[in-house]
């Protein structure tokens, strides 16, 4: 995938630092689906899709789901983008698996875009690392390390007001371009073109702080109640006095957290499914005994929408937290790393846990993708 560059060399010299063009990163790759299949995905309620158009010198953005008839009459310049294709397409999940030199906790999803000749979403920059893998057709990419980040005012997308390209390439099927965060880029389709974007999570400090405070709200316990036995008559009854402010300040100073809280928070936060995702339990689940026999013979794999992570102490799946105590730690770590085990033979306690996940729709029996 990285040509002649080893993953460790890529992380040292390129990741978060500078772009990298990789010709023929996946030999013979021409994409995982055609434009009609992408339109079909864009019609689903639980798929995140966007339609970007440029007409009469104005950018427009629509959010899906879309009816197929929406694509019958469009301006010359338009792009359809569908997020989370790996949640619906096993081959998409397999493609993401080739990027496992990056921790799963950093991986976001696979976005696929289609544009006819001249289509694109305008010059912009992303706040995260991205690999741009060319599928069907060709696309011209221009990139720039410019510091001018001013955006077109009132545009529905974050489009740069001034873009000064420094390098330019035409990507053919199987070629891939890596871009670090905040690297300006502009892709324009040359004929009908599809691009597969592998994006990585980069939550802002504000988001991390906000979500951690939400975690503390649910898990913090503080004894005591506000007391003021030394209460004095105030000149202004409506005033929140300095004494009360000082008392509350001392109460809030008692808020503490441990390393274990950070560990738990990160695992739950990073494995939490996106709000639009839902799991489909089996309509007629097998008995636990039959389930155990089937996975021992045929294996087990994570549902495409599942995220499974672990730390030294804990196991996380889809926002839930468990302890490794009493479970087959090596088995569960391998399942999280590989997203599937074939066959899957483990102890009774662990297979009972797997059975519950199976009934919840978190895992499936058998192989996800052959080969």
Protein backbone atom coordinates (compact mmCIF):
# COMPACT_ATOMS: atom_id res chain seq x y z
CA UNK A 1 0.00 0.00 0.00
CA UNK A 2 2.89 2.40 0.70
CA UNK A 3 5.05 1.39 -2.25
CA UNK A 4 8.69 0.92 -1.22
CA UNK A 5 8.14 2.67 2.13
CA UNK A 6 7.81 0.63 5.31
CA UNK A 7 4.93 1.58 7.65
CA UNK A 8 7.38 2.60 10.37
CA UNK A 9 9.18 4.86 7.89
CA UNK A 10 5.88 6.37 6.78
CA UNK A 11 4.90 7.16 10.37
CA UNK A 12 8.30 8.67 11.09
CA UNK A 13 8.71 10.78 7.95
CA UNK A 14 5.23 11.51 6.58
CA UNK A 15 2.40 10.98 9.07
CA UNK A 16 1.19 14.41 10.27
CA UNK A 17 4.17 15.97 8.47
CA UNK A 18 4.14 16.01 4.66
CA UNK A 19 2.22 14.61 1.67
CA UNK A 20 3.08 11.39 -0.10
CA UNK A 21 2.08 10.26 -3.59
CA UNK A 22 2.04 6.48 -4.06
CA UNK A 23 1.68 5.27 -7.63
CA UNK A 24 -0.05 1.92 -8.06
CA UNK A 25 -0.59 1.56 -4.31
CA UNK A 26 -3.14 -1.20 -4.98
CA UNK A 27 -2.36 -2.83 -8.34
CA UNK A 28 -5.48 -3.55 -10.37
CA UNK A 29 -7.75 -1.54 -8.08
CA UNK A 30 -10.68 0.01 -9.95
CA UNK A 31 -13.02 0.59 -7.02
CA UNK A 32 -15.46 -1.44 -4.95
CA UNK A 33 -18.74 -0.25 -6.44
CA UNK A 34 -20.05 1.63 -9.46
CA UNK A 35 -21.84 5.01 -9.52
CA UNK A 36 -25.28 3.39 -9.60
CA UNK A 37 -24.48 1.39 -6.47
CA UNK A 38 -23.23 4.53 -4.74
CA UNK A 39 -26.52 6.27 -5.57
CA UNK A 40 -28.31 3.25 -4.09
CA UNK A 41 -26.34 3.65 -0.85
CA UNK A 42 -27.17 7.36 -0.80
CA UNK A 43 -30.88 6.45 -0.66
CA UNK A 44 -30.52 4.62 2.67
CA UNK A 45 -31.77 6.27 5.86
CA UNK A 46 -28.78 5.14 7.93
CA UNK A 47 -26.15 6.22 5.40
CA UNK A 48 -24.66 9.71 5.59
CA UNK A 49 -24.70 11.20 2.11
CA UNK A 50 -24.20 14.67 0.66
CA UNK A 51 -24.70 16.20 -2.75
CA UNK A 52 -22.47 19.16 -3.64
CA UNK A 53 -23.27 21.26 -6.70
CA UNK A 54 -21.66 24.31 -8.29
CA UNK A 55 -23.91 26.33 -10.56
CA UNK A 56 -23.94 29.99 -11.59
CA UNK A 57 -20.86 30.59 -9.48
CA UNK A 58 -22.59 29.37 -6.31
CA UNK A 59 -21.90 26.31 -4.19
CA UNK A 60 -24.84 24.34 -2.79
CA UNK A 61 -25.04 21.43 -0.36
CA UNK A 62 -27.85 18.94 0.20
CA UNK A 63 -27.94 16.15 2.79
CA UNK A 64 -29.39 12.73 2.03
CA UNK A 65 -31.03 10.35 1.88
CA UNK A 66 -31.75 10.99 -1.78
CA UNK A 67 -34.35 9.57 -4.12
CA UNK A 68 -32.87 8.32 -7.38
CA UNK A 69 -34.83 10.86 -9.38
CA UNK A 70 -32.77 13.62 -7.68
CA UNK A 71 -29.87 12.71 -9.99
CA UNK A 72 -31.81 13.03 -13.25
CA UNK A 73 -31.28 16.77 -13.59
CA UNK A 74 -28.09 18.28 -12.19
CA UNK A 75 -25.68 21.04 -13.22
CA UNK A 76 -22.46 20.12 -14.97
CA UNK A 77 -20.40 20.36 -11.77
CA UNK A 78 -21.59 18.09 -8.97
CA UNK A 79 -20.28 15.48 -6.54
CA UNK A 80 -22.02 12.77 -4.51
CA UNK A 81 -20.30 11.76 -1.25
CA UNK A 82 -21.28 8.83 0.95
CA UNK A 83 -19.67 8.38 4.38
CA UNK A 84 -19.19 5.10 6.24
CA UNK A 85 -19.25 2.84 3.19
CA UNK A 86 -17.34 0.31 5.30
CA UNK A 87 -20.49 -0.04 7.44
CA UNK A 88 -22.42 -1.39 4.46
CA UNK A 89 -19.86 -3.01 2.19
CA UNK A 90 -17.68 -5.89 3.44
CA UNK A 91 -15.06 -5.06 0.83
CA UNK A 92 -14.92 -1.55 2.28
CA UNK A 93 -14.14 -2.95 5.72
CA UNK A 94 -11.47 -5.16 4.17
CA UNK A 95 -9.93 -2.12 2.46
CA UNK A 96 -9.74 -0.27 5.79
CA UNK A 97 -8.04 -3.32 7.26
CA UNK A 98 -5.04 -2.61 5.04
CA UNK A 99 -4.45 0.56 7.06
CA UNK A 100 -4.04 -1.24 10.38
CA UNK A 101 -0.56 0.25 10.79
CA UNK A 102 -2.64 3.14 12.21
CA UNK A 103 -4.45 2.29 15.52
CA UNK A 104 -8.14 1.44 15.12
CA UNK A 105 -8.93 4.13 17.68
CA UNK A 106 -7.76 6.76 15.16
CA UNK A 107 -9.60 5.38 12.16
CA UNK A 108 -12.85 7.10 11.19
CA UNK A 109 -14.42 5.63 8.06
CA UNK A 110 -14.34 5.10 4.31
CA UNK A 111 -15.97 7.83 2.23
CA UNK A 112 -16.64 7.30 -1.46
CA UNK A 113 -17.28 10.16 -3.86
CA UNK A 114 -18.42 10.23 -7.46
CA UNK A 115 -18.16 13.19 -9.81
CA UNK A 116 -18.61 13.58 -13.57
CA UNK A 117 -16.07 15.42 -15.70
CA UNK A 118 -15.10 18.70 -14.02
CA UNK A 119 -16.82 17.85 -10.75
CA UNK A 120 -15.34 18.45 -7.30
CA UNK A 121 -16.03 20.06 -3.95
CA UNK A 122 -13.71 23.04 -4.33
CA UNK A 123 -10.32 23.79 -2.76
CA UNK A 124 -10.39 23.05 0.95
CA UNK A 125 -8.43 21.54 3.81
CA UNK A 126 -9.28 18.83 6.30
CA UNK A 127 -8.48 18.91 10.00
CA UNK A 128 -7.45 15.24 9.90
CA UNK A 129 -5.11 12.91 8.01
CA UNK A 130 -6.54 11.40 4.84
CA UNK A 131 -5.57 8.88 2.17
CA UNK A 132 -7.15 9.57 -1.24
CA UNK A 133 -7.29 6.33 -3.23
CA UNK A 134 -8.36 6.58 -6.85
CA UNK A 135 -10.97 4.11 -8.05
CA UNK A 136 -12.74 4.37 -11.39
CA UNK A 137 -11.52 7.08 -13.76
CA UNK A 138 -8.97 9.81 -13.11
CA UNK A 139 -8.77 12.90 -10.93
CA UNK A 140 -6.43 15.87 -10.96
CA UNK A 141 -5.22 16.82 -7.48
CA UNK A 142 -3.62 20.13 -6.67
CA UNK A 143 -2.17 20.65 -3.19
CA UNK A 144 -0.67 23.52 -1.21
CA UNK A 145 0.92 24.11 2.17
CA UNK A 146 -0.46 27.66 2.16
CA UNK A 147 -1.14 29.41 5.45
CA UNK A 148 -4.01 31.48 4.05
CA UNK A 149 -7.09 29.68 5.42
CA UNK A 150 -9.71 32.35 4.72
CA UNK A 151 -12.95 30.79 3.51
CA UNK A 152 -15.56 31.93 1.00
CA UNK A 153 -18.13 33.74 3.14
CA UNK A 154 -21.62 32.25 3.39
CA UNK A 155 -20.65 29.11 1.43
CA UNK A 156 -22.25 25.87 2.72
CA UNK A 157 -18.84 24.16 2.66
CA UNK A 158 -15.44 25.22 3.98
CA UNK A 159 -14.09 26.34 0.60
CA UNK A 160 -10.91 28.40 0.48
CA UNK A 161 -11.33 31.92 -0.78
CA UNK A 162 -7.83 31.89 -2.32
CA UNK A 163 -6.06 28.71 -3.38
CA UNK A 164 -2.48 28.74 -4.65
CA UNK A 165 -1.51 25.23 -5.82
CA UNK A 166 2.12 24.24 -5.35
CA UNK A 167 2.05 20.66 -6.70
CA UNK A 168 -0.23 18.82 -9.09
CA UNK A 169 -0.77 15.17 -10.11
CA UNK A 170 -3.28 13.13 -12.05
CA UNK A 171 -4.26 9.99 -10.12
CA UNK A 172 -5.20 6.86 -12.06
CA UNK A 173 -6.97 3.76 -10.67
CA UNK A 174 -4.95 2.32 -7.79
CA UNK A 175 -2.90 5.49 -7.18
CA UNK A 176 -3.08 7.03 -3.70
CA UNK A 177 -2.26 10.40 -2.19
CA UNK A 178 -1.69 10.92 1.54
CA UNK A 179 -2.28 14.39 3.01
CA UNK A 180 -1.56 15.51 6.58
CA UNK A 181 -4.02 17.76 8.43
CA UNK A 182 -4.57 21.34 7.23
CA UNK A 183 -2.97 20.68 3.83
CA UNK A 184 -5.01 22.53 1.20
CA UNK A 185 -6.13 20.42 -1.75
CA UNK A 186 -8.46 20.51 -4.73
CA UNK A 187 -9.60 17.47 -6.70
CA UNK A 188 -11.25 17.77 -10.12
CA UNK A 189 -12.69 14.76 -11.97
CA UNK A 190 -11.35 13.99 -15.42
CA UNK A 191 -14.29 12.17 -16.91
CA UNK A 192 -16.44 10.08 -14.57
CA UNK A 193 -14.35 9.56 -11.44
CA UNK A 194 -14.65 7.86 -8.04
CA UNK A 195 -12.35 8.48 -5.08
CA UNK A 196 -12.08 6.42 -1.89
CA UNK A 197 -11.14 8.60 1.08
CA UNK A 198 -9.77 6.92 4.20
CA UNK A 199 -10.16 9.46 7.01
CA UNK A 200 -8.93 9.46 10.60
CA UNK A 201 -10.49 10.81 13.77
CA UNK A 202 -9.01 14.00 15.15
CA UNK A 203 -11.36 15.31 17.87
CA UNK A 204 -10.78 18.88 18.95
CA UNK A 205 -9.61 19.61 22.49
CA UNK A 206 -13.01 21.22 23.06
CA UNK A 207 -14.84 18.05 22.02
CA UNK A 208 -12.62 15.84 24.19
CA UNK A 209 -13.12 18.11 27.20
CA UNK A 210 -16.88 18.33 26.66
CA UNK A 211 -17.30 14.57 26.27
CA UNK A 212 -15.10 13.88 29.29
CA UNK A 213 -17.27 16.20 31.40
CA UNK A 214 -20.30 14.24 30.19
CA UNK A 215 -18.53 11.06 31.30
CA UNK A 216 -17.81 12.58 34.73
CA UNK A 217 -21.43 13.63 35.05
CA UNK A 218 -22.45 9.98 34.72
CA UNK A 219 -19.67 8.49 36.85
CA UNK A 220 -18.64 11.09 39.44
CA UNK A 221 -19.93 10.75 43.00
CA UNK A 222 -19.46 13.61 45.48
CA UNK A 223 -20.82 13.37 49.01
CA UNK A 224 -22.29 16.30 50.94
CA UNK A 225 -24.67 19.18 50.30
CA UNK A 226 -24.29 22.92 50.17
CA UNK A 227 -24.39 24.33 53.72
CA UNK A 228 -24.16 27.84 55.19
CA UNK A 229 -24.63 27.70 58.98
CA UNK A 230 -22.82 31.05 59.19
CA UNK A 231 -25.29 32.77 56.86
CA UNK A 232 -25.42 36.57 57.29
CA UNK A 233 -28.06 39.11 56.26
CA UNK A 234 -27.21 40.62 52.85
CA UNK A 235 -27.82 44.21 51.81
CA UNK A 236 -29.20 42.94 48.48
CA UNK A 237 -31.24 39.69 48.70
CA UNK A 238 -30.91 39.13 44.93
CA UNK A 239 -27.11 39.23 44.99
CA UNK A 240 -25.09 36.03 44.68
CA UNK A 241 -22.60 36.92 47.36
CA UNK A 242 -18.85 36.43 47.45
CA UNK A 243 -19.17 33.98 50.36
CA UNK A 244 -21.45 31.68 48.37
CA UNK A 245 -19.16 31.86 45.36
CA UNK A 246 -16.17 30.92 47.52
CA UNK A 247 -18.01 27.96 49.07
CA UNK A 248 -19.01 26.60 45.65
CA UNK A 249 -15.48 27.15 44.35
CA UNK A 250 -14.12 24.97 47.17
CA UNK A 251 -16.72 22.28 46.39
CA UNK A 252 -15.76 22.21 42.69
CA UNK A 253 -12.08 22.10 43.59
CA UNK A 254 -12.78 18.64 45.01
CA UNK A 255 -13.52 17.23 41.55
CA UNK A 256 -10.83 14.65 40.82
CA UNK A 257 -10.28 11.88 38.31
CA UNK A 258 -7.81 9.06 37.97
CA UNK A 259 -5.94 7.47 35.08
CA UNK A 260 -8.58 4.73 35.11
CA UNK A 261 -11.25 7.35 34.35
CA UNK A 262 -9.30 8.51 31.31
CA UNK A 263 -8.89 4.91 30.16
CA UNK A 264 -12.59 4.15 30.57
CA UNK A 265 -13.68 7.40 28.95
CA UNK A 266 -11.47 6.96 25.88
CA UNK A 267 -12.59 3.38 25.31
CA UNK A 268 -16.28 4.20 25.61
CA UNK A 269 -16.02 7.44 23.62
CA UNK A 270 -13.93 6.04 20.76
CA UNK A 271 -16.01 2.88 20.36
CA UNK A 272 -19.39 4.64 20.58
CA UNK A 273 -21.33 4.18 17.31
CA UNK A 274 -22.33 7.31 15.43
CA UNK A 275 -25.92 8.36 16.22
CA UNK A 276 -27.34 7.31 12.84
CA UNK A 277 -26.09 3.71 13.14
CA UNK A 278 -28.31 0.90 14.39
CA UNK A 279 -27.63 -2.80 14.85
CA UNK A 280 -29.83 -5.55 13.45
CA UNK A 281 -30.16 -8.56 15.79
CA UNK A 282 -30.77 -11.91 14.09
CA UNK A 283 -34.47 -12.45 13.34
CA UNK A 284 -34.26 -16.07 14.53
CA UNK A 285 -31.18 -16.42 16.73
CA UNK A 286 -29.63 -19.84 17.13
CA UNK A 287 -29.56 -21.42 20.57
CA UNK A 288 -26.41 -20.79 22.60
CA UNK A 289 -25.27 -24.40 22.15
CA UNK A 290 -25.81 -24.26 18.40
CA UNK A 291 -24.10 -20.86 18.23
CA UNK A 292 -21.05 -22.24 20.01
CA UNK A 293 -20.83 -25.15 17.59
CA UNK A 294 -21.23 -22.91 14.55
CA UNK A 295 -18.48 -20.47 15.51
CA UNK A 296 -16.10 -23.30 16.42
CA UNK A 297 -16.61 -24.62 12.91
CA UNK A 298 -17.15 -21.50 10.80
CA UNK A 299 -15.70 -18.64 12.87
CA UNK A 300 -17.08 -15.30 13.97
CA UNK A 301 -16.65 -11.70 12.82
CA UNK A 302 -17.61 -8.24 14.01
CA UNK A 303 -20.63 -6.65 12.39
CA UNK A 304 -19.54 -4.00 9.87
CA UNK A 305 -20.84 -1.26 12.16
CA UNK A 306 -19.14 -2.55 15.32
CA UNK A 307 -16.08 -0.94 16.88
CA UNK A 308 -14.11 -3.07 19.34
CA UNK A 309 -11.14 -1.68 21.27
CA UNK A 310 -9.22 -2.60 24.39
CA UNK A 311 -6.77 -1.26 26.96
CA UNK A 312 -4.60 -3.04 29.50
CA UNK A 313 -7.56 -3.50 31.85
CA UNK A 314 -10.73 -3.18 29.84
CA UNK A 315 -12.55 -4.27 26.71
CA UNK A 316 -14.87 -1.92 24.82
CA UNK A 317 -17.46 -2.65 22.17
CA UNK A 318 -19.87 -0.08 20.74
CA UNK A 319 -19.62 2.20 23.77
CA UNK A 320 -19.91 -0.60 26.33
CA UNK A 321 -17.16 -1.48 28.81
CA UNK A 322 -16.20 -4.87 30.24
CA UNK A 323 -13.42 -6.25 32.38
CA UNK A 324 -11.18 -9.02 31.04
CA UNK A 325 -11.53 -10.87 34.36
CA UNK A 326 -12.74 -14.42 33.81
CA UNK A 327 -12.60 -14.10 30.03
CA UNK A 328 -10.23 -15.35 27.33
CA UNK A 329 -8.18 -12.18 27.00
CA UNK A 330 -5.98 -13.38 24.12
CA UNK A 331 -9.02 -14.47 22.11
CA UNK A 332 -10.87 -11.18 22.59
CA UNK A 333 -7.79 -9.09 21.80
CA UNK A 334 -7.30 -11.06 18.58
CA UNK A 335 -10.96 -10.55 17.64
CA UNK A 336 -10.61 -6.79 18.19
CA UNK A 337 -7.36 -6.62 16.17
CA UNK A 338 -8.46 -8.82 13.26
CA UNK A 339 -12.25 -8.20 13.40
CA UNK A 340 -12.77 -11.89 12.73
CA UNK A 341 -11.47 -15.30 13.87
CA UNK A 342 -11.75 -18.52 11.89
CA UNK A 343 -12.44 -20.88 13.56
CA UNK A 344 -13.40 -19.38 16.92
CA UNK A 345 -12.88 -21.75 19.82
CA UNK A 346 -12.75 -20.33 23.34
CA UNK A 347 -13.88 -20.99 26.91
CA UNK A 348 -17.48 -21.15 28.11
CA UNK A 349 -17.58 -17.68 29.74
CA UNK A 350 -16.21 -15.99 26.63
CA UNK A 351 -18.49 -17.87 24.25
CA UNK A 352 -21.47 -16.85 26.43
CA UNK A 353 -20.39 -13.22 26.06
CA UNK A 354 -20.06 -13.68 22.30
CA UNK A 355 -23.55 -15.17 22.24
CA UNK A 356 -24.96 -12.04 23.90
CA UNK A 357 -23.16 -9.88 21.35
CA UNK A 358 -24.57 -12.09 18.60
CA UNK A 359 -28.12 -11.55 19.90
CA UNK A 360 -27.44 -7.79 20.07
CA UNK A 361 -26.28 -7.74 16.44
CA UNK A 362 -22.68 -6.81 17.35
CA UNK A 363 -21.12 -9.93 15.81
CA UNK A 364 -22.01 -12.43 13.10
CA UNK A 365 -21.37 -16.12 12.55
CA UNK A 366 -18.90 -17.16 9.86
CA UNK A 367 -16.48 -15.29 7.65
CA UNK A 368 -17.15 -11.72 6.65
CA UNK A 369 -15.12 -11.84 3.46
CA UNK A 370 -13.61 -14.91 1.88
CA UNK A 371 -9.97 -14.82 0.98
